[in-house]
């Protein structure tokens, strides 16, 4: 599946979850799925807990996050000591 097809799995609608990006046809936010992954939940466990999801939905969340950060600039919060 190419990037465009994956990203079509993510939708943004101001009437759904206050406009947060969600997996198409669900109320599961990209943020929620990424949080699960960040805390060590494996993909198989997510898919078992949410049988409406497919692996490509989780890949789409990761791709969405990656694309969102492409144009971001980061400024250190405090200078590192040398």
N, C-alpha and C. Protein backbone atom coordinates (compact mmCIF):
# COMPACT_ATOMS: atom_id res chain seq x y z
N UNK A 1 0.86 -1.17 0.00
CA UNK A 1 0.00 0.00 0.00
C UNK A 1 0.91 1.23 0.00
N UNK A 2 0.60 2.20 -0.86
CA UNK A 2 1.44 3.40 -0.94
C UNK A 2 1.02 4.43 0.12
N UNK A 3 1.82 5.47 0.24
CA UNK A 3 1.58 6.48 1.27
C UNK A 3 0.23 7.15 1.14
N UNK A 4 -0.17 7.49 -0.09
CA UNK A 4 -1.46 8.15 -0.28
C UNK A 4 -2.61 7.27 0.20
N UNK A 5 -2.55 5.98 -0.14
CA UNK A 5 -3.60 5.06 0.30
C UNK A 5 -3.65 4.96 1.82
N UNK A 6 -2.47 4.91 2.43
CA UNK A 6 -2.44 4.84 3.90
C UNK A 6 -3.03 6.10 4.51
N UNK A 7 -2.63 7.26 3.99
CA UNK A 7 -3.10 8.52 4.58
C UNK A 7 -4.60 8.73 4.39
N UNK A 8 -5.19 8.09 3.40
CA UNK A 8 -6.64 8.18 3.22
C UNK A 8 -7.40 7.48 4.35
N UNK A 9 -6.71 6.68 5.12
CA UNK A 9 -7.32 6.01 6.27
C UNK A 9 -7.49 6.94 7.46
N UNK A 10 -6.85 8.11 7.40
CA UNK A 10 -6.92 9.09 8.48
C UNK A 10 -7.83 10.23 8.02
N UNK A 11 -8.80 10.57 8.86
CA UNK A 11 -9.71 11.67 8.52
C UNK A 11 -9.71 12.71 9.62
N UNK A 12 -10.07 13.93 9.21
CA UNK A 12 -10.20 15.03 10.16
C UNK A 12 -11.54 15.69 9.89
N UNK A 13 -12.38 15.70 10.92
CA UNK A 13 -13.71 16.28 10.81
C UNK A 13 -13.99 17.02 12.13
N UNK A 14 -14.28 18.31 12.06
CA UNK A 14 -14.50 19.05 13.30
C UNK A 14 -15.63 18.50 14.16
N UNK A 15 -16.50 17.69 13.58
CA UNK A 15 -17.63 17.11 14.33
C UNK A 15 -17.29 15.77 14.97
N UNK A 16 -16.09 15.26 14.69
CA UNK A 16 -15.68 13.98 15.26
C UNK A 16 -14.43 14.20 16.12
N UNK A 17 -14.52 13.88 17.38
CA UNK A 17 -13.42 14.00 18.34
C UNK A 17 -12.78 15.40 18.29
N UNK A 18 -13.62 16.40 18.19
CA UNK A 18 -13.20 17.80 18.20
C UNK A 18 -12.16 18.10 17.11
N UNK A 19 -12.26 17.40 16.00
CA UNK A 19 -11.38 17.67 14.87
C UNK A 19 -10.02 17.02 14.93
N UNK A 20 -9.79 16.17 15.92
CA UNK A 20 -8.51 15.46 15.96
C UNK A 20 -8.49 14.43 14.84
N UNK A 21 -7.31 14.13 14.30
CA UNK A 21 -7.21 13.10 13.27
C UNK A 21 -7.61 11.74 13.86
N UNK A 22 -8.49 11.04 13.14
CA UNK A 22 -8.96 9.72 13.58
C UNK A 22 -8.81 8.72 12.45
N UNK A 23 -8.84 7.47 12.82
CA UNK A 23 -8.85 6.40 11.83
C UNK A 23 -10.25 6.38 11.21
N UNK A 24 -10.29 6.44 9.90
CA UNK A 24 -11.55 6.51 9.15
C UNK A 24 -12.56 5.49 9.67
N UNK A 25 -13.79 5.97 9.88
CA UNK A 25 -14.87 5.11 10.32
C UNK A 25 -14.87 4.77 11.79
N UNK A 26 -13.96 5.39 12.55
CA UNK A 26 -13.88 5.13 14.00
C UNK A 26 -13.80 6.47 14.74
N UNK A 27 -13.78 6.36 16.04
CA UNK A 27 -13.52 7.52 16.89
C UNK A 27 -12.17 7.34 17.59
N UNK A 28 -11.33 6.47 17.04
CA UNK A 28 -10.00 6.24 17.58
C UNK A 28 -9.04 7.25 16.98
N UNK A 29 -8.48 8.09 17.85
CA UNK A 29 -7.58 9.13 17.35
C UNK A 29 -6.19 8.56 17.06
N UNK A 30 -5.53 9.23 16.14
CA UNK A 30 -4.14 8.90 15.83
C UNK A 30 -3.31 9.04 17.11
N UNK A 31 -3.57 10.08 17.86
CA UNK A 31 -2.86 10.32 19.11
C UNK A 31 -3.00 9.14 20.07
N UNK A 32 -4.20 8.59 20.19
CA UNK A 32 -4.44 7.47 21.09
C UNK A 32 -3.65 6.24 20.66
N UNK A 33 -3.71 5.92 19.37
CA UNK A 33 -3.00 4.74 18.87
C UNK A 33 -1.50 4.91 19.04
N UNK A 34 -0.98 6.10 18.73
CA UNK A 34 0.46 6.35 18.91
C UNK A 34 0.85 6.26 20.38
N UNK A 35 -0.02 6.71 21.26
CA UNK A 35 0.24 6.60 22.69
C UNK A 35 0.34 5.15 23.13
N UNK A 36 -0.56 4.31 22.61
CA UNK A 36 -0.48 2.88 22.93
C UNK A 36 0.85 2.30 22.48
N UNK A 37 1.24 2.62 21.26
CA UNK A 37 2.50 2.11 20.73
C UNK A 37 3.69 2.63 21.54
N UNK A 38 3.64 3.90 21.90
CA UNK A 38 4.73 4.51 22.66
C UNK A 38 4.91 3.87 24.04
N UNK A 39 3.82 3.36 24.58
CA UNK A 39 3.89 2.73 25.90
C UNK A 39 4.09 1.22 25.81
N UNK A 40 4.45 0.74 24.61
CA UNK A 40 4.86 -0.66 24.48
C UNK A 40 3.78 -1.63 24.06
N UNK A 41 2.57 -1.17 23.80
CA UNK A 41 1.52 -2.07 23.34
C UNK A 41 1.88 -2.52 21.93
N UNK A 42 1.88 -3.81 21.70
CA UNK A 42 2.24 -4.33 20.39
C UNK A 42 1.03 -4.30 19.46
N UNK A 43 1.31 -4.23 18.18
CA UNK A 43 0.26 -4.10 17.18
C UNK A 43 -0.78 -5.20 17.31
N UNK A 44 -0.35 -6.41 17.56
CA UNK A 44 -1.29 -7.53 17.66
C UNK A 44 -2.29 -7.33 18.79
N UNK A 45 -1.83 -6.76 19.90
CA UNK A 45 -2.73 -6.50 21.03
C UNK A 45 -3.74 -5.40 20.69
N UNK A 46 -3.29 -4.39 19.97
CA UNK A 46 -4.21 -3.32 19.56
C UNK A 46 -5.27 -3.89 18.63
N UNK A 47 -4.85 -4.70 17.68
CA UNK A 47 -5.79 -5.29 16.73
C UNK A 47 -6.78 -6.23 17.42
N UNK A 48 -6.32 -6.91 18.45
CA UNK A 48 -7.22 -7.80 19.20
C UNK A 48 -8.23 -6.99 20.01
N UNK A 49 -7.78 -5.89 20.59
CA UNK A 49 -8.66 -5.05 21.40
C UNK A 49 -9.67 -4.29 20.54
N UNK A 50 -9.26 -3.93 19.33
CA UNK A 50 -10.11 -3.17 18.41
C UNK A 50 -10.23 -3.94 17.08
N UNK A 51 -11.11 -4.93 17.04
CA UNK A 51 -11.20 -5.79 15.85
C UNK A 51 -11.61 -5.06 14.58
N UNK A 52 -12.11 -3.84 14.70
CA UNK A 52 -12.47 -3.07 13.51
C UNK A 52 -11.23 -2.53 12.79
N UNK A 53 -10.08 -2.55 13.46
CA UNK A 53 -8.86 -2.03 12.87
C UNK A 53 -8.13 -3.08 12.05
N UNK A 54 -7.33 -2.59 11.11
CA UNK A 54 -6.44 -3.43 10.32
C UNK A 54 -5.01 -2.93 10.53
N UNK A 55 -4.03 -3.77 10.21
CA UNK A 55 -2.64 -3.36 10.36
C UNK A 55 -2.37 -2.05 9.64
N UNK A 56 -2.95 -1.89 8.45
CA UNK A 56 -2.71 -0.67 7.69
C UNK A 56 -3.22 0.58 8.40
N UNK A 57 -4.22 0.44 9.27
CA UNK A 57 -4.68 1.59 10.05
C UNK A 57 -3.59 2.06 11.01
N UNK A 58 -2.89 1.12 11.60
CA UNK A 58 -1.82 1.47 12.53
C UNK A 58 -0.63 2.03 11.76
N UNK A 59 -0.31 1.42 10.62
CA UNK A 59 0.75 1.98 9.78
C UNK A 59 0.39 3.41 9.36
N UNK A 60 -0.88 3.65 9.06
CA UNK A 60 -1.33 4.98 8.66
C UNK A 60 -1.11 5.99 9.79
N UNK A 61 -1.36 5.60 11.02
CA UNK A 61 -1.13 6.49 12.16
C UNK A 61 0.34 6.87 12.26
N UNK A 62 1.21 5.90 12.10
CA UNK A 62 2.64 6.18 12.17
C UNK A 62 3.09 7.07 11.02
N UNK A 63 2.58 6.81 9.82
CA UNK A 63 2.93 7.63 8.68
C UNK A 63 2.41 9.06 8.86
N UNK A 64 1.18 9.20 9.35
CA UNK A 64 0.60 10.52 9.59
C UNK A 64 1.49 11.31 10.55
N UNK A 65 1.93 10.69 11.62
CA UNK A 65 2.80 11.36 12.59
C UNK A 65 4.11 11.77 11.93
N UNK A 66 4.67 10.88 11.15
CA UNK A 66 5.92 11.17 10.47
C UNK A 66 5.77 12.35 9.52
N UNK A 67 4.70 12.36 8.74
CA UNK A 67 4.46 13.45 7.79
C UNK A 67 4.20 14.77 8.52
N UNK A 68 3.52 14.70 9.64
CA UNK A 68 3.21 15.89 10.42
C UNK A 68 4.49 16.55 10.94
N UNK A 69 5.48 15.74 11.28
CA UNK A 69 6.72 16.26 11.83
C UNK A 69 7.72 16.72 10.77
N UNK A 70 7.49 16.40 9.51
CA UNK A 70 8.44 16.74 8.45
C UNK A 70 8.78 18.22 8.40
N UNK A 71 7.80 19.06 8.54
CA UNK A 71 8.02 20.50 8.41
C UNK A 71 8.11 21.23 9.75
N UNK A 72 8.21 20.47 10.81
CA UNK A 72 8.27 21.08 12.14
C UNK A 72 9.69 21.54 12.45
N UNK A 73 9.78 22.65 13.15
CA UNK A 73 11.06 23.15 13.64
C UNK A 73 11.08 22.99 15.14
N UNK A 74 12.23 22.66 15.66
CA UNK A 74 12.35 22.45 17.09
C UNK A 74 13.39 23.39 17.66
N UNK A 75 13.04 23.99 18.78
CA UNK A 75 13.95 24.88 19.47
C UNK A 75 14.17 24.28 20.85
N UNK A 76 15.43 24.16 21.25
CA UNK A 76 15.69 23.61 22.58
C UNK A 76 15.01 24.44 23.66
N UNK A 77 14.46 23.75 24.65
CA UNK A 77 13.81 24.46 25.75
C UNK A 77 14.83 25.14 26.66
N UNK A 78 15.98 24.53 26.79
CA UNK A 78 17.06 25.17 27.55
C UNK A 78 18.39 24.76 26.94
N UNK A 79 19.36 25.61 27.09
CA UNK A 79 20.67 25.35 26.51
C UNK A 79 21.36 24.23 27.29
N UNK A 80 22.03 23.37 26.56
CA UNK A 80 22.78 22.30 27.20
C UNK A 80 24.10 22.85 27.73
N UNK A 81 24.51 22.37 28.88
CA UNK A 81 25.78 22.79 29.47
C UNK A 81 26.92 22.16 28.67
N UNK A 82 27.99 22.93 28.46
CA UNK A 82 29.13 22.37 27.72
C UNK A 82 30.25 22.00 28.63
